[in-house]
Amino acid sequence: MNFVLDIAVILISLVFLSIVGLVAGAAIPGLFLAAAAPWLDRIRPVRKKRD
C-alpha cells in the first residue's frame, strides 16, 4: 500500500512541476523581451517616427 501511495505522490509532483515548467518557460522569455524591447527598438526600429 505504501508503494502505491509513493507512486501517486510522485505522479502528482511530476504533473505539478511540469505545469510550473511550462508557465516559467513562457513567462521568463516574455519578461526578458519586455525588458529588452526598448534597446532592441533603438537598434532596429519597427517603424519610422513621424514628425
Protein backbone atom coordinates (compact mmCIF):
# COMPACT_ATOMS: atom_id res chain seq x y z
CA MET A 1 0.00 0.00 0.00
CA ASN A 2 2.85 2.40 0.75
CA PHE A 3 4.30 1.72 -2.68
CA VAL A 4 1.05 2.77 -4.38
CA LEU A 5 0.91 5.98 -2.34
CA ASP A 6 4.53 6.75 -3.15
CA ILE A 7 3.84 6.34 -6.86
CA ALA A 8 0.74 8.57 -6.58
CA VAL A 9 2.73 11.29 -4.79
CA ILE A 10 5.48 11.12 -7.41
CA LEU A 11 2.97 11.40 -10.26
CA ILE A 12 1.22 14.36 -8.66
CA SER A 13 4.55 16.06 -8.10
CA LEU A 14 5.61 15.48 -11.69
CA VAL A 15 2.37 16.93 -13.01
CA PHE A 16 2.73 19.99 -10.77
CA LEU A 17 6.35 20.51 -11.77
CA SER A 18 5.54 20.15 -15.46
CA ILE A 19 2.84 22.83 -15.15
CA VAL A 20 5.27 25.12 -13.33
CA GLY A 21 7.89 24.43 -16.00
CA LEU A 22 5.50 25.29 -18.82
CA VAL A 23 4.48 28.54 -17.16
CA ALA A 24 8.09 29.50 -16.46
CA GLY A 25 9.10 28.56 -19.98
CA ALA A 26 6.57 31.04 -21.35
CA ALA A 27 6.87 33.77 -18.71
CA ILE A 28 10.63 34.16 -18.38
CA PRO A 29 11.33 34.78 -22.09
CA GLY A 30 8.33 37.13 -22.19
CA LEU A 31 9.70 39.15 -19.29
CA PHE A 32 13.09 39.28 -20.95
CA LEU A 33 11.62 40.52 -24.22
CA ALA A 34 9.55 43.15 -22.44
CA ALA A 35 12.67 44.41 -20.66
CA ALA A 36 14.83 44.28 -23.79
CA ALA A 37 12.28 45.87 -26.17
CA PRO A 38 13.41 49.50 -25.73
CA TRP A 39 17.02 48.61 -26.53
CA LEU A 40 16.00 46.45 -29.46
CA ASP A 41 13.89 49.31 -30.80
CA ARG A 42 16.91 51.62 -30.74
CA ILE A 43 18.98 49.12 -32.71
CA ARG A 44 16.35 48.43 -35.35
CA PRO A 45 13.15 50.44 -35.18
CA VAL A 46 9.99 48.77 -36.42
CA ARG A 47 8.62 51.96 -37.98
CA LYS A 48 9.88 55.45 -38.64
CA LYS A 49 8.89 58.17 -36.21
CA ARG A 50 6.57 60.84 -37.57
CA ASP A 51 7.49 64.48 -37.10
